[in-house]
Amino acid sequence: MGPGLSQRPTTNDQRQPLNQRPPLIAFLTLELRIEAAQSLKDKRQVVRSVKDRLRAHFNVAVAELDPSNLWNHATIGVVGISSSQDYLDGLMKNVERHATRVANNTGADVADSFVEYL
């Protein structure tokens, strides 16, 4: 190549800086037991309340997983993304605590919960 002309950067030159890590994804699964529900309508009200309040209070994605016709059981998934594992740990603990509070106020219990990191 002649003077003043530069080569295109190779893939080795396009690496991310060492201080930038790829984002982590935390996936919280909440198993709800809804003893007060007498119908699917009651179940949907509880699930919607939990989902809406978690979305409003935290910057997370929330969805009902395994939407079954069992009126006394529901599974909710909550996802958060960050480059900091410590932040995600605290976020998921706070989300679980808040979900338990909301569920208890609507006649449900969080029967089980667990967090996975992807």
PDB file of N, CA and C in Angstrom:
ATOM      1  N   MET A   1       0.839  -1.168   0.000  1.00  0.00           N
ATOM      2  CA  MET A   1       0.000   0.000   0.000  1.00  0.00           C
ATOM      3  C   MET A   1       0.888   1.236   0.000  1.00  0.00           C
ATOM      4  N   GLY A   2       0.393   2.268  -0.568  1.00  0.00           N
ATOM      5  CA  GLY A   2       1.149   3.497  -0.670  1.00  0.00           C
ATOM      6  C   GLY A   2       1.057   4.315   0.608  1.00  0.00           C
ATOM      7  N   PRO A   3       1.839   5.379   0.707  1.00  0.00           N
ATOM      8  CA  PRO A   3       1.804   6.231   1.883  1.00  0.00           C
ATOM      9  C   PRO A   3       0.442   6.912   2.026  1.00  0.00           C
ATOM     10  N   GLY A   4      -0.001   7.035   3.256  1.00  0.00           N
ATOM     11  CA  GLY A   4      -1.256   7.708   3.536  1.00  0.00           C
ATOM     12  C   GLY A   4      -2.474   6.791   3.459  1.00  0.00           C
ATOM     13  N   LEU A   5      -2.292   5.610   2.928  1.00  0.00           N
ATOM     14  CA  LEU A   5      -3.396   4.662   2.848  1.00  0.00           C
ATOM     15  C   LEU A   5      -3.266   3.669   4.001  1.00  0.00           C
ATOM     16  N   SER A   6      -4.320   3.453   4.677  1.00  0.00           N
ATOM     17  CA  SER A   6      -4.257   2.516   5.805  1.00  0.00           C
ATOM     18  C   SER A   6      -5.034   1.255   5.464  1.00  0.00           C
ATOM     19  N   GLN A   7      -4.602   0.185   6.086  1.00  0.00           N
ATOM     20  CA  GLN A   7      -5.297  -1.071   5.884  1.00  0.00           C
ATOM     21  C   GLN A   7      -6.555  -1.102   6.743  1.00  0.00           C
ATOM     22  N   ARG A   8      -7.485  -1.886   6.330  1.00  0.00           N
ATOM     23  CA  ARG A   8      -8.687  -2.100   7.125  1.00  0.00           C
ATOM     24  C   ARG A   8      -8.325  -2.845   8.392  1.00  0.00           C
ATOM     25  N   PRO A   9      -8.902  -2.490   9.516  1.00  0.00           N
ATOM     26  CA  PRO A   9      -8.552  -3.194  10.751  1.00  0.00           C
ATOM     27  C   PRO A   9      -8.966  -4.661  10.666  1.00  0.00           C
ATOM     28  N   THR A  10      -8.134  -5.495  11.223  1.00  0.00           N
ATOM     29  CA  THR A  10      -8.443  -6.927  11.247  1.00  0.00           C
ATOM     30  C   THR A  10      -9.319  -7.228  12.451  1.00  0.00           C
ATOM     31  N   THR A  11      -9.791  -8.445  12.518  1.00  0.00           N
ATOM     32  CA  THR A  11     -10.672  -8.812  13.637  1.00  0.00           C
ATOM     33  C   THR A  11      -9.947  -8.711  14.971  1.00  0.00           C
ATOM     34  N   ASN A  12      -8.649  -8.897  15.000  1.00  0.00           N
ATOM     35  CA  ASN A  12      -7.898  -8.761  16.250  1.00  0.00           C
ATOM     36  C   ASN A  12      -7.899  -7.321  16.742  1.00  0.00           C
ATOM     37  N   ASP A  13      -7.954  -6.355  15.818  1.00  0.00           N
ATOM     38  CA  ASP A  13      -7.966  -4.947  16.194  1.00  0.00           C
ATOM     39  C   ASP A  13      -9.351  -4.493  16.659  1.00  0.00           C
ATOM     40  N   GLN A  14     -10.386  -5.302  16.425  1.00  0.00           N
ATOM     41  CA  GLN A  14     -11.747  -4.901  16.738  1.00  0.00           C
ATOM     42  C   GLN A  14     -12.230  -5.504  18.072  1.00  0.00           C
ATOM     43  N   ARG A  15     -11.345  -5.983  18.887  1.00  0.00           N
ATOM     44  CA  ARG A  15     -11.731  -6.559  20.173  1.00  0.00           C
ATOM     45  C   ARG A  15     -12.270  -5.501  21.109  1.00  0.00           C
ATOM     46  N   GLN A  16     -13.137  -5.947  22.043  1.00  0.00           N
ATOM     47  CA  GLN A  16     -13.660  -5.038  23.053  1.00  0.00           C
ATOM     48  C   GLN A  16     -12.581  -4.776  24.092  1.00  0.00           C
ATOM     49  N   PRO A  17     -12.598  -3.599  24.705  1.00  0.00           N
ATOM     50  CA  PRO A  17     -11.658  -3.339  25.786  1.00  0.00           C
ATOM     51  C   PRO A  17     -11.854  -4.344  26.913  1.00  0.00           C
ATOM     52  N   LEU A  18     -10.792  -4.616  27.653  1.00  0.00           N
ATOM     53  CA  LEU A  18     -10.845  -5.608  28.705  1.00  0.00           C
ATOM     54  C   LEU A  18     -11.815  -5.242  29.824  1.00  0.00           C
ATOM     55  N   ASN A  19     -12.047  -3.944  30.054  1.00  0.00           N
ATOM     56  CA  ASN A  19     -12.927  -3.543  31.148  1.00  0.00           C
ATOM     57  C   ASN A  19     -14.408  -3.667  30.796  1.00  0.00           C
ATOM     58  N   GLN A  20     -14.732  -3.997  29.557  1.00  0.00           N
ATOM     59  CA  GLN A  20     -16.131  -4.189  29.170  1.00  0.00           C
ATOM     60  C   GLN A  20     -16.423  -5.677  29.096  1.00  0.00           C
ATOM     61  N   ARG A  21     -17.348  -6.113  29.948  1.00  0.00           N
ATOM     62  CA  ARG A  21     -17.748  -7.511  29.937  1.00  0.00           C
ATOM     63  C   ARG A  21     -19.091  -7.627  29.242  1.00  0.00           C
ATOM     64  N   PRO A  22     -19.369  -8.793  28.661  1.00  0.00           N
ATOM     65  CA  PRO A  22     -20.692  -8.967  28.062  1.00  0.00           C
ATOM     66  C   PRO A  22     -21.751  -8.951  29.160  1.00  0.00           C
ATOM     67  N   PRO A  23     -22.950  -8.507  28.835  1.00  0.00           N
ATOM     68  CA  PRO A  23     -23.987  -8.425  29.870  1.00  0.00           C
ATOM     69  C   PRO A  23     -24.397  -9.799  30.376  1.00  0.00           C
ATOM     70  N   LEU A  24     -24.758  -9.838  31.638  1.00  0.00           N
ATOM     71  CA  LEU A  24     -25.286 -11.044  32.256  1.00  0.00           C
ATOM     72  C   LEU A  24     -26.797 -10.964  32.259  1.00  0.00           C
ATOM     73  N   ILE A  25     -27.426 -12.105  32.204  1.00  0.00           N
ATOM     74  CA  ILE A  25     -28.888 -12.168  32.244  1.00  0.00           C
ATOM     75  C   ILE A  25     -29.283 -12.979  33.461  1.00  0.00           C
ATOM     76  N   ALA A  26     -30.109 -12.392  34.319  1.00  0.00           N
ATOM     77  CA  ALA A  26     -30.637 -13.087  35.494  1.00  0.00           C
ATOM     78  C   ALA A  26     -32.090 -13.442  35.214  1.00  0.00           C
ATOM     79  N   PHE A  27     -32.432 -14.687  35.472  1.00  0.00           N
ATOM     80  CA  PHE A  27     -33.785 -15.185  35.229  1.00  0.00           C
ATOM     81  C   PHE A  27     -34.351 -15.726  36.539  1.00  0.00           C
ATOM     82  N   LEU A  28     -35.332 -15.023  37.090  1.00  0.00           N
ATOM     83  CA  LEU A  28     -35.979 -15.401  38.344  1.00  0.00           C
ATOM     84  C   LEU A  28     -37.309 -16.074  38.026  1.00  0.00           C
ATOM     85  N   THR A  29     -37.508 -17.261  38.581  1.00  0.00           N
ATOM     86  CA  THR A  29     -38.765 -17.977  38.427  1.00  0.00           C
ATOM     87  C   THR A  29     -39.499 -17.969  39.754  1.00  0.00           C
ATOM     88  N   LEU A  30     -40.749 -17.539  39.734  1.00  0.00           N
ATOM     89  CA  LEU A  30     -41.587 -17.487  40.929  1.00  0.00           C
ATOM     90  C   LEU A  30     -42.755 -18.446  40.748  1.00  0.00           C
ATOM     91  N   GLU A  31     -42.893 -19.368  41.675  1.00  0.00           N
ATOM     92  CA  GLU A  31     -44.031 -20.284  41.688  1.00  0.00           C
ATOM     93  C   GLU A  31     -45.039 -19.735  42.681  1.00  0.00           C
ATOM     94  N   LEU A  32     -46.226 -19.376  42.198  1.00  0.00           N
ATOM     95  CA  LEU A  32     -47.259 -18.817  43.064  1.00  0.00           C
ATOM     96  C   LEU A  32     -48.314 -19.870  43.387  1.00  0.00           C
ATOM     97  N   ARG A  33     -48.720 -19.887  44.630  1.00  0.00           N
ATOM     98  CA  ARG A  33     -49.860 -20.694  45.066  1.00  0.00           C
ATOM     99  C   ARG A  33     -50.953 -19.706  45.441  1.00  0.00           C
ATOM    100  N   ILE A  34     -52.099 -19.818  44.784  1.00  0.00           N
ATOM    101  CA  ILE A  34     -53.169 -18.840  44.953  1.00  0.00           C
ATOM    102  C   ILE A  34     -54.354 -19.540  45.621  1.00  0.00           C
ATOM    103  N   GLU A  35     -54.306 -19.637  46.923  1.00  0.00           N
ATOM    104  CA  GLU A  35     -55.338 -20.354  47.676  1.00  0.00           C
ATOM    105  C   GLU A  35     -56.676 -19.625  47.641  1.00  0.00           C
ATOM    106  N   ALA A  36     -56.650 -18.312  47.552  1.00  0.00           N
ATOM    107  CA  ALA A  36     -57.896 -17.535  47.597  1.00  0.00           C
ATOM    108  C   ALA A  36     -58.655 -17.566  46.275  1.00  0.00           C
ATOM    109  N   ALA A  37     -58.017 -18.046  45.210  1.00  0.00           N
ATOM    110  CA  ALA A  37     -58.668 -18.041  43.898  1.00  0.00           C
ATOM    111  C   ALA A  37     -59.770 -19.095  43.844  1.00  0.00           C
ATOM    112  N   GLN A  38     -60.920 -18.683  43.355  1.00  0.00           N
ATOM    113  CA  GLN A  38     -62.053 -19.592  43.185  1.00  0.00           C
ATOM    114  C   GLN A  38     -62.333 -19.859  41.701  1.00  0.00           C
ATOM    115  N   SER A  39     -61.621 -19.146  40.837  1.00  0.00           N
ATOM    116  CA  SER A  39     -61.840 -19.299  39.396  1.00  0.00           C
ATOM    117  C   SER A  39     -60.586 -18.841  38.653  1.00  0.00           C
ATOM    118  N   LEU A  40     -60.585 -19.080  37.344  1.00  0.00           N
ATOM    119  CA  LEU A  40     -59.477 -18.589  36.514  1.00  0.00           C
ATOM    120  C   LEU A  40     -59.427 -17.067  36.506  1.00  0.00           C
ATOM    121  N   LYS A  41     -60.571 -16.441  36.614  1.00  0.00           N
ATOM    122  CA  LYS A  41     -60.614 -14.977  36.661  1.00  0.00           C
ATOM    123  C   LYS A  41     -59.869 -14.463  37.894  1.00  0.00           C
ATOM    124  N   ASP A  42     -60.060 -15.110  39.044  1.00  0.00           N
ATOM    125  CA  ASP A  42     -59.342 -14.728  40.266  1.00  0.00           C
ATOM    126  C   ASP A  42     -57.841 -14.905  40.081  1.00  0.00           C
ATOM    127  N   LYS A  43     -57.460 -16.016  39.462  1.00  0.00           N
ATOM    128  CA  LYS A  43     -56.034 -16.274  39.220  1.00  0.00           C
ATOM    129  C   LYS A  43     -55.441 -15.185  38.323  1.00  0.00           C
ATOM    130  N   ARG A  44     -56.139 -14.858  37.262  1.00  0.00           N
ATOM    131  CA  ARG A  44     -55.632 -13.849  36.322  1.00  0.00           C
ATOM    132  C   ARG A  44     -55.479 -12.485  36.983  1.00  0.00           C
ATOM    133  N   GLN A  45     -56.382 -12.148  37.897  1.00  0.00           N
ATOM    134  CA  GLN A  45     -56.272 -10.875  38.613  1.00  0.00           C
ATOM    135  C   GLN A  45     -55.015 -10.836  39.472  1.00  0.00           C
ATOM    136  N   VAL A  46     -54.721 -11.936  40.154  1.00  0.00           N
ATOM    137  CA  VAL A  46     -53.522 -11.995  41.003  1.00  0.00           C
ATOM    138  C   VAL A  46     -52.269 -11.922  40.141  1.00  0.00           C
ATOM    139  N   VAL A  47     -52.218 -12.710  39.086  1.00  0.00           N
ATOM    140  CA  VAL A  47     -51.038 -12.738  38.215  1.00  0.00           C
ATOM    141  C   VAL A  47     -50.816 -11.377  37.565  1.00  0.00           C
ATOM    142  N   ARG A  48     -51.878 -10.766  37.079  1.00  0.00           N
ATOM    143  CA  ARG A  48     -51.743  -9.448  36.452  1.00  0.00           C
ATOM    144  C   ARG A  48     -51.248  -8.406  37.451  1.00  0.00           C
ATOM    145  N   SER A  49     -51.754  -8.460  38.670  1.00  0.00           N
ATOM    146  CA  SER A  49     -51.334  -7.515  39.699  1.00  0.00           C
ATOM    147  C   SER A  49     -49.849  -7.659  40.005  1.00  0.00           C
ATOM    148  N   VAL A  50     -49.398  -8.888  40.164  1.00  0.00           N
ATOM    149  CA  VAL A  50     -47.975  -9.125  40.451  1.00  0.00           C
ATOM    150  C   VAL A  50     -47.119  -8.646  39.284  1.00  0.00           C
ATOM    151  N   LYS A  51     -47.485  -9.027  38.067  1.00  0.00           N
ATOM    152  CA  LYS A  51     -46.704  -8.625  36.894  1.00  0.00           C
ATOM    153  C   LYS A  51     -46.649  -7.109  36.740  1.00  0.00           C
ATOM    154  N   ASP A  52     -47.793  -6.453  36.827  1.00  0.00           N
ATOM    155  CA  ASP A  52     -47.841  -5.002  36.634  1.00  0.00           C
ATOM    156  C   ASP A  52     -47.034  -4.265  37.691  1.00  0.00           C
ATOM    157  N   ARG A  53     -47.138  -4.696  38.932  1.00  0.00           N
ATOM    158  CA  ARG A  53     -46.412  -4.007  40.000  1.00  0.00           C
ATOM    159  C   ARG A  53     -44.903  -4.225  39.910  1.00  0.00           C
ATOM    160  N   LEU A  54     -44.481  -5.405  39.496  1.00  0.00           N
ATOM    161  CA  LEU A  54     -43.039  -5.632  39.325  1.00  0.00           C
ATOM    162  C   LEU A  54     -42.489  -4.787  38.184  1.00  0.00           C
ATOM    163  N   ARG A  55     -43.227  -4.725  37.084  1.00  0.00           N
ATOM    164  CA  ARG A  55     -42.797  -3.892  35.946  1.00  0.00           C
ATOM    165  C   ARG A  55     -42.719  -2.428  36.328  1.00  0.00           C
ATOM    166  N   ALA A  56     -43.684  -1.967  37.108  1.00  0.00           N
ATOM    167  CA  ALA A  56     -43.731  -0.546  37.473  1.00  0.00           C
ATOM    168  C   ALA A  56     -42.639  -0.180  38.465  1.00  0.00           C
ATOM    169  N   HIS A  57     -42.268  -1.113  39.327  1.00  0.00           N
ATOM    170  CA  HIS A  57     -41.335  -0.803  40.401  1.00  0.00           C
ATOM    171  C   HIS A  57     -39.872  -1.062  40.017  1.00  0.00           C
ATOM    172  N   PHE A  58     -39.636  -2.000  39.100  1.00  0.00           N
ATOM    173  CA  PHE A  58     -38.272  -2.369  38.705  1.00  0.00           C
ATOM    174  C   PHE A  58     -38.151  -2.320  37.195  1.00  0.00           C
ATOM    175  N   ASN A  59     -36.923  -2.194  36.723  1.00  0.00           N
ATOM    176  CA  ASN A  59     -36.655  -2.207  35.292  1.00  0.00           C
ATOM    177  C   ASN A  59     -36.384  -3.653  34.860  1.00  0.00           C
ATOM    178  N   VAL A  60     -37.449  -4.452  34.805  1.00  0.00           N
ATOM    179  CA  VAL A  60     -37.341  -5.867  34.470  1.00  0.00           C
ATOM    180  C   VAL A  60     -38.440  -6.246  33.487  1.00  0.00           C
ATOM    181  N   ALA A  61     -38.244  -7.365  32.820  1.00  0.00           N
ATOM    182  CA  ALA A  61     -39.279  -7.943  31.969  1.00  0.00           C
ATOM    183  C   ALA A  61     -39.966  -9.048  32.767  1.00  0.00           C
ATOM    184  N   VAL A  62     -41.298  -9.097  32.696  1.00  0.00           N
ATOM    185  CA  VAL A  62     -42.076 -10.046  33.479  1.00  0.00           C
ATOM    186  C   VAL A  62     -43.090 -10.720  32.565  1.00  0.00           C
ATOM    187  N   ALA A  63     -43.227 -12.049  32.711  1.00  0.00           N
ATOM    188  CA  ALA A  63     -44.218 -12.778  31.921  1.00  0.00           C
ATOM    189  C   ALA A  63     -44.697 -13.987  32.695  1.00  0.00           C
ATOM    190  N   GLU A  64     -45.928 -14.394  32.407  1.00  0.00           N
ATOM    191  CA  GLU A  64     -46.422 -15.634  32.985  1.00  0.00           C
ATOM    192  C   GLU A  64     -45.873 -16.781  32.152  1.00  0.00           C
ATOM    193  N   LEU A  65     -45.285 -17.742  32.815  1.00  0.00           N
ATOM    194  CA  LEU A  65     -44.768 -18.932  32.162  1.00  0.00           C
ATOM    195  C   LEU A  65     -45.762 -20.058  32.387  1.00  0.00           C
ATOM    196  N   ASP A  66     -45.858 -20.970  31.480  1.00  0.00           N
ATOM    197  CA  ASP A  66     -46.729 -22.123  31.656  1.00  0.00           C
ATOM    198  C   ASP A  66     -48.149 -21.705  32.016  1.00  0.00           C
ATOM    199  N   PRO A  67     -48.811 -20.947  31.145  1.00  0.00           N
ATOM    200  CA  PRO A  67     -50.181 -20.516  31.467  1.00  0.00           C
ATOM    201  C   PRO A  67     -51.143 -21.707  31.412  1.00  0.00           C
ATOM    202  N   SER A  68     -51.410 -22.276  32.563  1.00  0.00           N
ATOM    203  CA  SER A  68     -52.272 -23.453  32.625  1.00  0.00           C
ATOM    204  C   SER A  68     -53.667 -23.067  33.102  1.00  0.00           C
ATOM    205  N   ASN A  69     -54.546 -24.007  33.058  1.00  0.00           N
ATOM    206  CA  ASN A  69     -55.912 -23.779  33.507  1.00  0.00           C
ATOM    207  C   ASN A  69     -56.095 -24.131  34.979  1.00  0.00           C
ATOM    208  N   LEU A  70     -55.012 -24.350  35.691  1.00  0.00           N
ATOM    209  CA  LEU A  70     -55.110 -24.576  37.127  1.00  0.00           C
ATOM    210  C   LEU A  70     -55.328 -23.232  37.797  1.00  0.00           C
ATOM    211  N   TRP A  71     -56.415 -23.074  38.484  1.00  0.00           N
ATOM    212  CA  TRP A  71     -56.766 -21.779  39.056  1.00  0.00           C
ATOM    213  C   TRP A  71     -56.006 -21.448  40.327  1.00  0.00           C
ATOM    214  N   ASN A  72     -55.315 -22.418  40.924  1.00  0.00           N
ATOM    215  CA  ASN A  72     -54.624 -22.136  42.185  1.00  0.00           C
ATOM    216  C   ASN A  72     -53.107 -22.167  42.058  1.00  0.00           C
ATOM    217  N   HIS A  73     -52.578 -22.152  40.844  1.00  0.00           N
ATOM    218  CA  HIS A  73     -51.129 -22.208  40.639  1.00  0.00           C
ATOM    219  C   HIS A  73     -50.737 -21.349  39.450  1.00  0.00           C
ATOM    220  N   ALA A  74     -49.616 -20.639  39.575  1.00  0.00           N
ATOM    221  CA  ALA A  74     -49.101 -19.826  38.462  1.00  0.00           C
ATOM    222  C   ALA A  74     -47.579 -19.779  38.551  1.00  0.00           C
ATOM    223  N   THR A  75     -46.936 -19.661  37.410  1.00  0.00           N
ATOM    224  CA  THR A  75     -45.484 -19.508  37.333  1.00  0.00           C
ATOM    225  C   THR A  75     -45.188 -18.210  36.603  1.00  0.00           C
ATOM    226  N   ILE A  76     -44.368 -17.368  37.239  1.00  0.00           N
ATOM    227  CA  ILE A  76     -44.012 -16.069  36.662  1.00  0.00           C
ATOM    228  C   ILE A  76     -42.502 -16.014  36.470  1.00  0.00           C
ATOM    229  N   GLY A  77     -42.079 -15.523  35.310  1.00  0.00           N
ATOM    230  CA  GLY A  77     -40.662 -15.343  35.015  1.00  0.00           C
ATOM    231  C   GLY A  77     -40.305 -13.870  35.002  1.00  0.00           C
ATOM    232  N   VAL A  78     -39.160 -13.542  35.613  1.00  0.00           N
ATOM    233  CA  VAL A  78     -38.673 -12.163  35.666  1.00  0.00           C
ATOM    234  C   VAL A  78     -37.240 -12.157  35.149  1.00  0.00           C
ATOM    235  N   VAL A  79     -36.942 -11.252  34.229  1.00  0.00           N
ATOM    236  CA  VAL A  79     -35.611 -11.192  33.627  1.00  0.00           C
ATOM    237  C   VAL A  79     -35.023  -9.798  33.802  1.00  0.00           C
ATOM    238  N   GLY A  80     -33.736  -9.758  34.197  1.00  0.00           N
ATOM    239  CA  GLY A  80     -32.985  -8.521  34.288  1.00  0.00           C
ATOM    240  C   GLY A  80     -31.646  -8.683  33.594  1.00  0.00           C
ATOM    241  N   ILE A  81     -31.125  -7.607  33.045  1.00  0.00           N
ATOM    242  CA  ILE A  81     -29.848  -7.646  32.328  1.00  0.00           C
ATOM    243  C   ILE A  81     -28.939  -6.562  32.878  1.00  0.00           C
ATOM    244  N   SER A  82     -27.673  -6.933  33.133  1.00  0.00           N
ATOM    245  CA  SER A  82     -26.680  -5.971  33.606  1.00  0.00           C
ATOM    246  C   SER A  82     -25.292  -6.559  33.373  1.00  0.00           C
ATOM    247  N   SER A  83     -24.290  -5.708  33.410  1.00  0.00           N
ATOM    248  CA  SER A  83     -22.918  -6.197  33.316  1.00  0.00           C
ATOM    249  C   SER A  83     -22.355  -6.511  34.700  1.00  0.00           C
ATOM    250  N   SER A  84     -23.131  -6.234  35.749  1.00  0.00           N
ATOM    251  CA  SER A  84     -22.675  -6.454  37.123  1.00  0.00           C
ATOM    252  C   SER A  84     -23.470  -7.577  37.785  1.00  0.00           C
ATOM    253  N   GLN A  85     -22.789  -8.623  38.170  1.00  0.00           N
ATOM    254  CA  GLN A  85     -23.445  -9.738  38.867  1.00  0.00           C
ATOM    255  C   GLN A  85     -23.964  -9.287  40.229  1.00  0.00           C
ATOM    256  N   ASP A  86     -23.224  -8.437  40.912  1.00  0.00           N
ATOM    257  CA  ASP A  86     -23.668  -7.941  42.222  1.00  0.00           C
ATOM    258  C   ASP A  86     -24.981  -7.165  42.098  1.00  0.00           C
ATOM    259  N   TYR A  87     -25.067  -6.332  41.068  1.00  0.00           N
ATOM    260  CA  TYR A  87     -26.307  -5.588  40.845  1.00  0.00           C
ATOM    261  C   TYR A  87     -27.472  -6.541  40.600  1.00  0.00           C
ATOM    262  N   LEU A  88     -27.258  -7.547  39.754  1.00  0.00           N
ATOM    263  CA  LEU A  88     -28.326  -8.494  39.447  1.00  0.00           C
ATOM    264  C   LEU A  88     -28.744  -9.295  40.673  1.00  0.00           C
ATOM    265  N   ASP A  89     -27.773  -9.678  41.514  1.00  0.00           N
ATOM    266  CA  ASP A  89     -28.109 -10.398  42.748  1.00  0.00           C
ATOM    267  C   ASP A  89     -29.037  -9.563  43.617  1.00  0.00           C
ATOM    268  N   GLY A  90     -28.675  -8.304  43.830  1.00  0.00           N
ATOM    269  CA  GLY A  90     -29.498  -7.415  44.647  1.00  0.00           C
ATOM    270  C   GLY A  90     -30.849  -7.155  44.012  1.00  0.00           C
ATOM    271  N   LEU A  91     -30.860  -6.963  42.695  1.00  0.00           N
ATOM    272  CA  LEU A  91     -32.113  -6.708  41.989  1.00  0.00           C
ATOM    273  C   LEU A  91     -33.073  -7.877  42.140  1.00  0.00           C
ATOM    274  N   MET A  92     -32.583  -9.091  41.918  1.00  0.00           N
ATOM    275  CA  MET A  92     -33.455 -10.263  41.986  1.00  0.00           C
ATOM    276  C   MET A  92     -33.952 -10.517  43.413  1.00  0.00           C
ATOM    277  N   LYS A  93     -33.121 -10.235  44.411  1.00  0.00           N
ATOM    278  CA  LYS A  93     -33.575 -10.367  45.802  1.00  0.00           C
ATOM    279  C   LYS A  93     -34.685  -9.363  46.097  1.00  0.00           C
ATOM    280  N   ASN A  94     -34.514  -8.132  45.628  1.00  0.00           N
ATOM    281  CA  ASN A  94     -35.536  -7.104  45.839  1.00  0.00           C
ATOM    282  C   ASN A  94     -36.822  -7.426  45.077  1.00  0.00           C
ATOM    283  N   VAL A  95     -36.689  -7.936  43.865  1.00  0.00           N
ATOM    284  CA  VAL A  95     -37.861  -8.323  43.082  1.00  0.00           C
ATOM    285  C   VAL A  95     -38.615  -9.442  43.796  1.00  0.00           C
ATOM    286  N   GLU A  96     -37.884 -10.434  44.282  1.00  0.00           N
ATOM    287  CA  GLU A  96     -38.529 -11.554  44.988  1.00  0.00           C
ATOM    288  C   GLU A  96     -39.240 -11.065  46.252  1.00  0.00           C
ATOM    289  N   ARG A  97     -38.589 -10.198  46.993  1.00  0.00           N
ATOM    290  CA  ARG A  97     -39.184  -9.654  48.217  1.00  0.00           C
ATOM    291  C   ARG A  97     -40.463  -8.879  47.895  1.00  0.00           C
ATOM    292  N   HIS A  98     -40.397  -8.046  46.859  1.00  0.00           N
ATOM    293  CA  HIS A  98     -41.558  -7.250  46.470  1.00  0.00           C
ATOM    294  C   HIS A  98     -42.684  -8.145  45.937  1.00  0.00           C
ATOM    295  N   ALA A  99     -42.331  -9.158  45.158  1.00  0.00           N
ATOM    296  CA  ALA A  99     -43.335 -10.080  44.618  1.00  0.00           C
ATOM    297  C   ALA A  99     -44.037 -10.826  45.747  1.00  0.00           C
ATOM    298  N   THR A 100     -43.289 -11.204  46.770  1.00  0.00           N
ATOM    299  CA  THR A 100     -43.883 -11.885  47.923  1.00  0.00           C
ATOM    300  C   THR A 100     -44.876 -10.977  48.622  1.00  0.00           C
ATOM    301  N   ARG A 101     -44.493  -9.714  48.787  1.00  0.00           N
ATOM    302  CA  ARG A 101     -45.383  -8.738  49.431  1.00  0.00           C
ATOM    303  C   ARG A 101     -46.664  -8.527  48.613  1.00  0.00           C
ATOM    304  N   VAL A 102     -46.512  -8.347  47.317  1.00  0.00           N
ATOM    305  CA  VAL A 102     -47.675  -8.124  46.447  1.00  0.00           C
ATOM    306  C   VAL A 102     -48.562  -9.362  46.427  1.00  0.00           C
ATOM    307  N   ALA A 103     -47.948 -10.529  46.316  1.00  0.00           N
ATOM    308  CA  ALA A 103     -48.726 -11.770  46.294  1.00  0.00           C
ATOM    309  C   ALA A 103     -49.507 -11.936  47.588  1.00  0.00           C
ATOM    310  N   ASN A 104     -48.863 -11.683  48.706  1.00  0.00           N
ATOM    311  CA  ASN A 104     -49.553 -11.812  49.994  1.00  0.00           C
ATOM    312  C   ASN A 104     -50.726 -10.848  50.097  1.00  0.00           C
ATOM    313  N   ASN A 105     -50.592  -9.660  49.547  1.00  0.00           N
ATOM    314  CA  ASN A 105     -51.677  -8.674  49.581  1.00  0.00           C
ATOM    315  C   ASN A 105     -52.844  -9.055  48.679  1.00  0.00           C
ATOM    316  N   THR A 106     -52.600  -9.932  47.713  1.00  0.00           N
ATOM    317  CA  THR A 106     -53.663 -10.334  46.786  1.00  0.00           C
ATOM    318  C   THR A 106     -54.168 -11.746  47.053  1.00  0.00           C
ATOM    319  N   GLY A 107     -53.795 -12.337  48.180  1.00  0.00           N
ATOM    320  CA  GLY A 107     -54.296 -13.655  48.542  1.00  0.00           C
ATOM    321  C   GLY A 107     -53.504 -14.813  47.980  1.00  0.00           C
ATOM    322  N   ALA A 108     -52.227 -14.610  47.709  1.00  0.00           N
ATOM    323  CA  ALA A 108     -51.379 -15.672  47.165  1.00  0.00           C
ATOM    324  C   ALA A 108     -50.097 -15.791  47.980  1.00  0.00           C
ATOM    325  N   ASP A 109     -49.354 -16.860  47.744  1.00  0.00           N
ATOM    326  CA  ASP A 109     -48.053 -17.075  48.378  1.00  0.00           C
ATOM    327  C   ASP A 109     -47.032 -17.424  47.307  1.00  0.00           C
ATOM    328  N   VAL A 110     -45.787 -17.006  47.515  1.00  0.00           N
ATOM    329  CA  VAL A 110     -44.701 -17.462  46.665  1.00  0.00           C
ATOM    330  C   VAL A 110     -44.241 -18.791  47.250  1.00  0.00           C
ATOM    331  N   ALA A 111     -44.612 -19.883  46.588  1.00  0.00           N
ATOM    332  CA  ALA A 111     -44.311 -21.217  47.092  1.00  0.00           C
ATOM    333  C   ALA A 111     -42.850 -21.584  46.866  1.00  0.00           C
ATOM    334  N   ASP A 112     -42.266 -21.107  45.770  1.00  0.00           N
ATOM    335  CA  ASP A 112     -40.879 -21.427  45.454  1.00  0.00           C
ATOM    336  C   ASP A 112     -40.327 -20.352  44.528  1.00  0.00           C
ATOM    337  N   SER A 113     -39.035 -20.168  44.574  1.00  0.00           N
ATOM    338  CA  SER A 113     -38.378 -19.232  43.672  1.00  0.00           C
ATOM    339  C   SER A 113     -36.931 -19.654  43.478  1.00  0.00           C
ATOM    340  N   PHE A 114     -36.409 -19.382  42.311  1.00  0.00           N
ATOM    341  CA  PHE A 114     -34.995 -19.648  42.058  1.00  0.00           C
ATOM    342  C   PHE A 114     -34.489 -18.751  40.942  1.00  0.00           C
ATOM    343  N   VAL A 115     -33.189 -18.490  40.984  1.00  0.00           N
ATOM    344  CA  VAL A 115     -32.552 -17.573  40.035  1.00  0.00           C
ATOM    345  C   VAL A 115     -31.533 -18.368  39.203  1.00  0.00           C
ATOM    346  N   GLU A 116     -31.533 -18.110  37.919  1.00  0.00           N
ATOM    347  CA  GLU A 116     -30.530 -18.675  37.008  1.00  0.00           C
ATOM    348  C   GLU A 116     -29.814 -17.515  36.328  1.00  0.00           C
ATOM    349  N   TYR A 117     -28.522 -17.707  36.051  1.00  0.00           N
ATOM    350  CA  TYR A 117     -27.748 -16.699  35.329  1.00  0.00           C
ATOM    351  C   TYR A 117     -27.324 -17.277  33.990  1.00  0.00           C
ATOM    352  N   LEU A 118     -27.570 -16.514  32.946  1.00  0.00           N
ATOM    353  CA  LEU A 118     -27.220 -16.961  31.595  1.00  0.00           C
ATOM    354  C   LEU A 118     -26.114 -16.116  31.031  1.00  0.00           C
TER     355      LEU A 118
END
